[in-house]
Amino acid sequence: MRTVLALLLGLFVSGCGKLGDPNAEPTYGKTGLPKNCKAIIQENVRAWRAREYSADETMESIDRNCGPNGRSWNQ
């Protein structure tokens, strides 16, 4: 029984690294809108630099999508 549990734990731990970081690369949906936090941050910074949005609007978007309870985690 211990051998089986050790084997399962080993498989789980070794598989975790293969899942990767869902925010390692920016990802975009079929519509071209950002899907993950890396892409959201990139787009927010781009829009702020282009003066499309204020700093407050930019920060609200980042918090809404990538904050502690953000919608875009694990996308």
PDB file of N, CA and C in Angstrom:
ATOM      1  N   MET A   1       0.825  -1.194   0.000  1.00  0.00           N
ATOM      2  CA  MET A   1       0.000   0.000   0.000  1.00  0.00           C
ATOM      3  C   MET A   1       0.874   1.265   0.000  1.00  0.00           C
ATOM      4  N   ARG A   2       1.921   1.276   0.826  1.00  0.00           N
ATOM      5  CA  ARG A   2       2.813   2.435   0.870  1.00  0.00           C
ATOM      6  C   ARG A   2       3.520   2.633  -0.463  1.00  0.00           C
ATOM      7  N   THR A   3       3.864   1.548  -1.103  1.00  0.00           N
ATOM      8  CA  THR A   3       4.552   1.629  -2.390  1.00  0.00           C
ATOM      9  C   THR A   3       3.635   2.271  -3.433  1.00  0.00           C
ATOM     10  N   VAL A   4       2.379   1.874  -3.418  1.00  0.00           N
ATOM     11  CA  VAL A   4       1.412   2.425  -4.364  1.00  0.00           C
ATOM     12  C   VAL A   4       1.222   3.916  -4.102  1.00  0.00           C
ATOM     13  N   LEU A   5       1.072   4.305  -2.821  1.00  0.00           N
ATOM     14  CA  LEU A   5       0.911   5.721  -2.494  1.00  0.00           C
ATOM     15  C   LEU A   5       2.142   6.530  -2.887  1.00  0.00           C
ATOM     16  N   ALA A   6       3.320   5.982  -2.634  1.00  0.00           N
ATOM     17  CA  ALA A   6       4.550   6.669  -3.015  1.00  0.00           C
ATOM     18  C   ALA A   6       4.639   6.823  -4.523  1.00  0.00           C
ATOM     19  N   LEU A   7       4.247   5.800  -5.257  1.00  0.00           N
ATOM     20  CA  LEU A   7       4.271   5.851  -6.717  1.00  0.00           C
ATOM     21  C   LEU A   7       3.288   6.905  -7.237  1.00  0.00           C
ATOM     22  N   LEU A   8       2.077   6.924  -6.676  1.00  0.00           N
ATOM     23  CA  LEU A   8       1.082   7.913  -7.099  1.00  0.00           C
ATOM     24  C   LEU A   8       1.532   9.329  -6.767  1.00  0.00           C
ATOM     25  N   LEU A   9       2.106   9.528  -5.585  1.00  0.00           N
ATOM     26  CA  LEU A   9       2.610  10.839  -5.214  1.00  0.00           C
ATOM     27  C   LEU A   9       3.726  11.275  -6.162  1.00  0.00           C
ATOM     28  N   GLY A  10       4.621  10.364  -6.494  1.00  0.00           N
ATOM     29  CA  GLY A  10       5.704  10.664  -7.424  1.00  0.00           C
ATOM     30  C   GLY A  10       5.189  11.051  -8.798  1.00  0.00           C
ATOM     31  N   LEU A  11       4.185  10.333  -9.279  1.00  0.00           N
ATOM     32  CA  LEU A  11       3.595  10.655 -10.584  1.00  0.00           C
ATOM     33  C   LEU A  11       2.916  12.024 -10.560  1.00  0.00           C
ATOM     34  N   PHE A  12       2.229  12.300  -9.450  1.00  0.00           N
ATOM     35  CA  PHE A  12       1.554  13.596  -9.332  1.00  0.00           C
ATOM     36  C   PHE A  12       2.560  14.737  -9.332  1.00  0.00           C
ATOM     37  N   VAL A  13       3.602  14.610  -8.514  1.00  0.00           N
ATOM     38  CA  VAL A  13       4.608  15.673  -8.416  1.00  0.00           C
ATOM     39  C   VAL A  13       5.340  15.849  -9.740  1.00  0.00           C
ATOM     40  N   SER A  14       5.685  14.776 -10.402  1.00  0.00           N
ATOM     41  CA  SER A  14       6.401  14.904 -11.671  1.00  0.00           C
ATOM     42  C   SER A  14       5.497  15.469 -12.756  1.00  0.00           C
ATOM     43  N   GLY A  15       4.213  15.225 -12.675  1.00  0.00           N
ATOM     44  CA  GLY A  15       3.273  15.752 -13.666  1.00  0.00           C
ATOM     45  C   GLY A  15       2.962  17.215 -13.480  1.00  0.00           C
ATOM     46  N   CYS A  16       3.109  17.715 -12.254  1.00  0.00           N
ATOM     47  CA  CYS A  16       2.796  19.117 -11.980  1.00  0.00           C
ATOM     48  C   CYS A  16       3.681  20.063 -12.790  1.00  0.00           C
ATOM     49  N   GLY A  17       4.926  19.718 -12.956  1.00  0.00           N
ATOM     50  CA  GLY A  17       5.828  20.570 -13.725  1.00  0.00           C
ATOM     51  C   GLY A  17       5.477  20.617 -15.193  1.00  0.00           C
ATOM     52  N   LYS A  18       4.814  19.580 -15.673  1.00  0.00           N
ATOM     53  CA  LYS A  18       4.455  19.524 -17.087  1.00  0.00           C
ATOM     54  C   LYS A  18       3.228  20.370 -17.397  1.00  0.00           C
ATOM     55  N   LEU A  19       2.469  20.720 -16.363  1.00  0.00           N
ATOM     56  CA  LEU A  19       1.299  21.560 -16.591  1.00  0.00           C
ATOM     57  C   LEU A  19       1.712  22.951 -17.036  1.00  0.00           C
ATOM     58  N   GLY A  20       2.834  23.400 -16.529  1.00  0.00           N
ATOM     59  CA  GLY A  20       3.353  24.699 -16.937  1.00  0.00           C
ATOM     60  C   GLY A  20       2.596  25.849 -16.325  1.00  0.00           C
ATOM     61  N   ASP A  21       3.076  27.016 -16.606  1.00  0.00           N
ATOM     62  CA  ASP A  21       2.472  28.238 -16.124  1.00  0.00           C
ATOM     63  C   ASP A  21       1.529  28.762 -17.202  1.00  0.00           C
ATOM     64  N   PRO A  22       0.216  28.839 -16.917  1.00  0.00           N
ATOM     65  CA  PRO A  22      -0.718  29.309 -17.933  1.00  0.00           C
ATOM     66  C   PRO A  22      -0.509  30.767 -18.321  1.00  0.00           C
ATOM     67  N   ASN A  23       0.332  31.467 -17.563  1.00  0.00           N
ATOM     68  CA  ASN A  23       0.620  32.864 -17.867  1.00  0.00           C
ATOM     69  C   ASN A  23       2.036  33.072 -18.366  1.00  0.00           C
ATOM     70  N   ALA A  24       2.710  31.999 -18.752  1.00  0.00           N
ATOM     71  CA  ALA A  24       4.089  32.115 -19.233  1.00  0.00           C
ATOM     72  C   ALA A  24       4.153  32.862 -20.565  1.00  0.00           C
ATOM     73  N   GLU A  25       3.167  32.689 -21.381  1.00  0.00           N
ATOM     74  CA  GLU A  25       3.087  33.352 -22.687  1.00  0.00           C
ATOM     75  C   GLU A  25       1.731  34.033 -22.806  1.00  0.00           C
ATOM     76  N   PRO A  26       1.661  35.180 -23.444  1.00  0.00           N
ATOM     77  CA  PRO A  26       0.349  35.808 -23.631  1.00  0.00           C
ATOM     78  C   PRO A  26      -0.515  34.974 -24.569  1.00  0.00           C
ATOM     79  N   THR A  27      -1.770  34.799 -24.204  1.00  0.00           N
ATOM     80  CA  THR A  27      -2.695  34.066 -25.069  1.00  0.00           C
ATOM     81  C   THR A  27      -3.902  34.947 -25.366  1.00  0.00           C
ATOM     82  N   TYR A  28      -4.414  34.791 -26.567  1.00  0.00           N
ATOM     83  CA  TYR A  28      -5.540  35.583 -27.042  1.00  0.00           C
ATOM     84  C   TYR A  28      -6.620  34.649 -27.557  1.00  0.00           C
ATOM     85  N   GLY A  29      -7.873  35.056 -27.395  1.00  0.00           N
ATOM     86  CA  GLY A  29      -8.999  34.270 -27.875  1.00  0.00           C
ATOM     87  C   GLY A  29      -9.189  34.434 -29.371  1.00  0.00           C
ATOM     88  N   LYS A  30     -10.198  33.773 -29.895  1.00  0.00           N
ATOM     89  CA  LYS A  30     -10.501  33.828 -31.333  1.00  0.00           C
ATOM     90  C   LYS A  30     -10.854  35.234 -31.783  1.00  0.00           C
ATOM     91  N   THR A  31     -11.367  36.041 -30.869  1.00  0.00           N
ATOM     92  CA  THR A  31     -11.741  37.417 -31.210  1.00  0.00           C
ATOM     93  C   THR A  31     -10.554  38.364 -31.162  1.00  0.00           C
ATOM     94  N   GLY A  32      -9.415  37.876 -30.669  1.00  0.00           N
ATOM     95  CA  GLY A  32      -8.237  38.712 -30.560  1.00  0.00           C
ATOM     96  C   GLY A  32      -8.083  39.366 -29.194  1.00  0.00           C
ATOM     97  N   LEU A  33      -9.064  39.164 -28.329  1.00  0.00           N
ATOM     98  CA  LEU A  33      -8.982  39.734 -26.987  1.00  0.00           C
ATOM     99  C   LEU A  33      -8.071  38.882 -26.108  1.00  0.00           C
ATOM    100  N   PRO A  34      -7.382  39.503 -25.161  1.00  0.00           N
ATOM    101  CA  PRO A  34      -6.477  38.753 -24.288  1.00  0.00           C
ATOM    102  C   PRO A  34      -7.246  37.784 -23.397  1.00  0.00           C
ATOM    103  N   LYS A  35      -6.668  36.585 -23.206  1.00  0.00           N
ATOM    104  CA  LYS A  35      -7.301  35.570 -22.366  1.00  0.00           C
ATOM    105  C   LYS A  35      -6.612  35.387 -21.031  1.00  0.00           C
ATOM    106  N   ASN A  36      -5.304  35.538 -20.984  1.00  0.00           N
ATOM    107  CA  ASN A  36      -4.616  35.300 -19.711  1.00  0.00           C
ATOM    108  C   ASN A  36      -4.018  36.598 -19.185  1.00  0.00           C
ATOM    109  N   CYS A  37      -3.527  36.537 -17.956  1.00  0.00           N
ATOM    110  CA  CYS A  37      -3.038  37.756 -17.301  1.00  0.00           C
ATOM    111  C   CYS A  37      -1.845  38.378 -18.008  1.00  0.00           C
ATOM    112  N   LYS A  38      -0.972  37.568 -18.553  1.00  0.00           N
ATOM    113  CA  LYS A  38       0.186  38.149 -19.250  1.00  0.00           C
ATOM    114  C   LYS A  38      -0.283  39.007 -20.426  1.00  0.00           C
ATOM    115  N   ALA A  39      -1.237  38.515 -21.184  1.00  0.00           N
ATOM    116  CA  ALA A  39      -1.759  39.275 -22.323  1.00  0.00           C
ATOM    117  C   ALA A  39      -2.552  40.494 -21.850  1.00  0.00           C
ATOM    118  N   ILE A  40      -3.296  40.346 -20.777  1.00  0.00           N
ATOM    119  CA  ILE A  40      -4.081  41.465 -20.254  1.00  0.00           C
ATOM    120  C   ILE A  40      -3.162  42.590 -19.802  1.00  0.00           C
ATOM    121  N   ILE A  41      -2.107  42.243 -19.081  1.00  0.00           N
ATOM    122  CA  ILE A  41      -1.154  43.257 -18.623  1.00  0.00           C
ATOM    123  C   ILE A  41      -0.512  43.952 -19.830  1.00  0.00           C
ATOM    124  N   GLN A  42      -0.077  43.167 -20.806  1.00  0.00           N
ATOM    125  CA  GLN A  42       0.541  43.744 -22.011  1.00  0.00           C
ATOM    126  C   GLN A  42      -0.392  44.729 -22.689  1.00  0.00           C
ATOM    127  N   GLU A  43      -1.645  44.329 -22.870  1.00  0.00           N
ATOM    128  CA  GLU A  43      -2.604  45.187 -23.563  1.00  0.00           C
ATOM    129  C   GLU A  43      -2.933  46.432 -22.753  1.00  0.00           C
ATOM    130  N   ASN A  44      -3.026  46.287 -21.435  1.00  0.00           N
ATOM    131  CA  ASN A  44      -3.286  47.446 -20.591  1.00  0.00           C
ATOM    132  C   ASN A  44      -2.141  48.442 -20.649  1.00  0.00           C
ATOM    133  N   VAL A  45      -0.917  47.974 -20.589  1.00  0.00           N
ATOM    134  CA  VAL A  45       0.238  48.873 -20.659  1.00  0.00           C
ATOM    135  C   VAL A  45       0.286  49.550 -22.025  1.00  0.00           C
ATOM    136  N   ARG A  46       0.043  48.789 -23.086  1.00  0.00           N
ATOM    137  CA  ARG A  46       0.035  49.360 -24.436  1.00  0.00           C
ATOM    138  C   ARG A  46      -1.016  50.470 -24.543  1.00  0.00           C
ATOM    139  N   ALA A  47      -2.233  50.179 -24.040  1.00  0.00           N
ATOM    140  CA  ALA A  47      -3.321  51.160 -24.125  1.00  0.00           C
ATOM    141  C   ALA A  47      -3.035  52.385 -23.269  1.00  0.00           C
ATOM    142  N   TRP A  48      -2.421  52.199 -22.099  1.00  0.00           N
ATOM    143  CA  TRP A  48      -2.076  53.342 -21.249  1.00  0.00           C
ATOM    144  C   TRP A  48      -1.025  54.211 -21.932  1.00  0.00           C
ATOM    145  N   ARG A  49      -0.014  53.567 -22.523  1.00  0.00           N
ATOM    146  CA  ARG A  49       1.030  54.344 -23.219  1.00  0.00           C
ATOM    147  C   ARG A  49       0.467  55.108 -24.408  1.00  0.00           C
ATOM    148  N   ALA A  50      -0.536  54.525 -25.051  1.00  0.00           N
ATOM    149  CA  ALA A  50      -1.175  55.193 -26.193  1.00  0.00           C
ATOM    150  C   ALA A  50      -2.212  56.214 -25.729  1.00  0.00           C
ATOM    151  N   ARG A  51      -2.339  56.381 -24.421  1.00  0.00           N
ATOM    152  CA  ARG A  51      -3.275  57.321 -23.813  1.00  0.00           C
ATOM    153  C   ARG A  51      -4.731  56.997 -24.146  1.00  0.00           C
ATOM    154  N   GLU A  52      -5.003  55.708 -24.349  1.00  0.00           N
ATOM    155  CA  GLU A  52      -6.386  55.280 -24.577  1.00  0.00           C
ATOM    156  C   GLU A  52      -7.148  55.193 -23.259  1.00  0.00           C
ATOM    157  N   TYR A  53      -6.433  54.888 -22.180  1.00  0.00           N
ATOM    158  CA  TYR A  53      -7.041  54.758 -20.856  1.00  0.00           C
ATOM    159  C   TYR A  53      -6.175  55.470 -19.831  1.00  0.00           C
ATOM    160  N   SER A  54      -6.824  55.950 -18.779  1.00  0.00           N
ATOM    161  CA  SER A  54      -6.090  56.599 -17.689  1.00  0.00           C
ATOM    162  C   SER A  54      -5.390  55.532 -16.846  1.00  0.00           C
ATOM    163  N   ALA A  55      -4.524  55.974 -15.979  1.00  0.00           N
ATOM    164  CA  ALA A  55      -3.848  55.045 -15.074  1.00  0.00           C
ATOM    165  C   ALA A  55      -4.868  54.344 -14.183  1.00  0.00           C
ATOM    166  N   ASP A  56      -5.868  55.078 -13.703  1.00  0.00           N
ATOM    167  CA  ASP A  56      -6.895  54.465 -12.859  1.00  0.00           C
ATOM    168  C   ASP A  56      -7.679  53.394 -13.611  1.00  0.00           C
ATOM    169  N   GLU A  57      -8.073  53.681 -14.840  1.00  0.00           N
ATOM    170  CA  GLU A  57      -8.806  52.691 -15.642  1.00  0.00           C
ATOM    171  C   GLU A  57      -7.950  51.454 -15.906  1.00  0.00           C
ATOM    172  N   THR A  58      -6.678  51.686 -16.178  1.00  0.00           N
ATOM    173  CA  THR A  58      -5.754  50.589 -16.436  1.00  0.00           C
ATOM    174  C   THR A  58      -5.619  49.705 -15.203  1.00  0.00           C
ATOM    175  N   MET A  59      -5.424  50.330 -14.048  1.00  0.00           N
ATOM    176  CA  MET A  59      -5.273  49.563 -12.812  1.00  0.00           C
ATOM    177  C   MET A  59      -6.556  48.820 -12.455  1.00  0.00           C
ATOM    178  N   GLU A  60      -7.711  49.421 -12.697  1.00  0.00           N
ATOM    179  CA  GLU A  60      -8.984  48.743 -12.434  1.00  0.00           C
ATOM    180  C   GLU A  60      -9.131  47.498 -13.298  1.00  0.00           C
ATOM    181  N   SER A  61      -8.733  47.595 -14.555  1.00  0.00           N
ATOM    182  CA  SER A  61      -8.798  46.442 -15.448  1.00  0.00           C
ATOM    183  C   SER A  61      -7.865  45.337 -14.982  1.00  0.00           C
ATOM    184  N   ILE A  62      -6.652  45.712 -14.614  1.00  0.00           N
ATOM    185  CA  ILE A  62      -5.684  44.709 -14.150  1.00  0.00           C
ATOM    186  C   ILE A  62      -6.200  44.048 -12.879  1.00  0.00           C
ATOM    187  N   ASP A  63      -6.723  44.827 -11.940  1.00  0.00           N
ATOM    188  CA  ASP A  63      -7.241  44.259 -10.699  1.00  0.00           C
ATOM    189  C   ASP A  63      -8.444  43.355 -10.965  1.00  0.00           C
ATOM    190  N   ARG A  64      -9.363  43.802 -11.814  1.00  0.00           N
ATOM    191  CA  ARG A  64     -10.569  43.034 -12.119  1.00  0.00           C
ATOM    192  C   ARG A  64     -10.233  41.691 -12.771  1.00  0.00           C
ATOM    193  N   ASN A  65      -9.261  41.706 -13.654  1.00  0.00           N
ATOM    194  CA  ASN A  65      -8.942  40.494 -14.405  1.00  0.00           C
ATOM    195  C   ASN A  65      -7.828  39.652 -13.808  1.00  0.00           C
ATOM    196  N   CYS A  66      -6.860  40.284 -13.155  1.00  0.00           N
ATOM    197  CA  CYS A  66      -5.677  39.558 -12.688  1.00  0.00           C
ATOM    198  C   CYS A  66      -5.401  39.741 -11.208  1.00  0.00           C
ATOM    199  N   GLY A  67      -6.300  40.396 -10.493  1.00  0.00           N
ATOM    200  CA  GLY A  67      -6.136  40.563  -9.054  1.00  0.00           C
ATOM    201  C   GLY A  67      -6.366  39.243  -8.330  1.00  0.00           C
ATOM    202  N   PRO A  68      -6.405  39.271  -7.012  1.00  0.00           N
ATOM    203  CA  PRO A  68      -6.561  38.043  -6.230  1.00  0.00           C
ATOM    204  C   PRO A  68      -7.784  37.211  -6.630  1.00  0.00           C
ATOM    205  N   ASN A  69      -8.849  37.857  -7.023  1.00  0.00           N
ATOM    206  CA  ASN A  69     -10.062  37.146  -7.449  1.00  0.00           C
ATOM    207  C   ASN A  69     -10.341  37.375  -8.930  1.00  0.00           C
ATOM    208  N   GLY A  70      -9.283  37.608  -9.682  1.00  0.00           N
ATOM    209  CA  GLY A  70      -9.416  37.949 -11.098  1.00  0.00           C
ATOM    210  C   GLY A  70     -10.063  36.872 -11.940  1.00  0.00           C
ATOM    211  N   ARG A  71     -10.731  37.307 -12.983  1.00  0.00           N
ATOM    212  CA  ARG A  71     -11.441  36.408 -13.897  1.00  0.00           C
ATOM    213  C   ARG A  71     -10.509  35.589 -14.791  1.00  0.00           C
ATOM    214  N   SER A  72      -9.305  36.071 -14.989  1.00  0.00           N
ATOM    215  CA  SER A  72      -8.464  35.478 -16.021  1.00  0.00           C
ATOM    216  C   SER A  72      -7.439  34.476 -15.524  1.00  0.00           C
ATOM    217  N   TRP A  73      -7.435  34.155 -14.251  1.00  0.00           N
ATOM    218  CA  TRP A  73      -6.489  33.154 -13.770  1.00  0.00           C
ATOM    219  C   TRP A  73      -6.867  31.802 -14.357  1.00  0.00           C
ATOM    220  N   ASN A  74      -5.857  31.034 -14.703  1.00  0.00           N
ATOM    221  CA  ASN A  74      -6.029  29.679 -15.245  1.00  0.00           C
ATOM    222  C   ASN A  74      -6.754  29.653 -16.578  1.00  0.00           C
ATOM    223  N   GLN A  75      -6.661  30.697 -17.345  1.00  0.00           N
ATOM    224  CA  GLN A  75      -7.267  30.722 -18.686  1.00  0.00           C
ATOM    225  C   GLN A  75      -6.269  30.213 -19.698  1.00  0.00           C
TER     226      GLN A  75
END
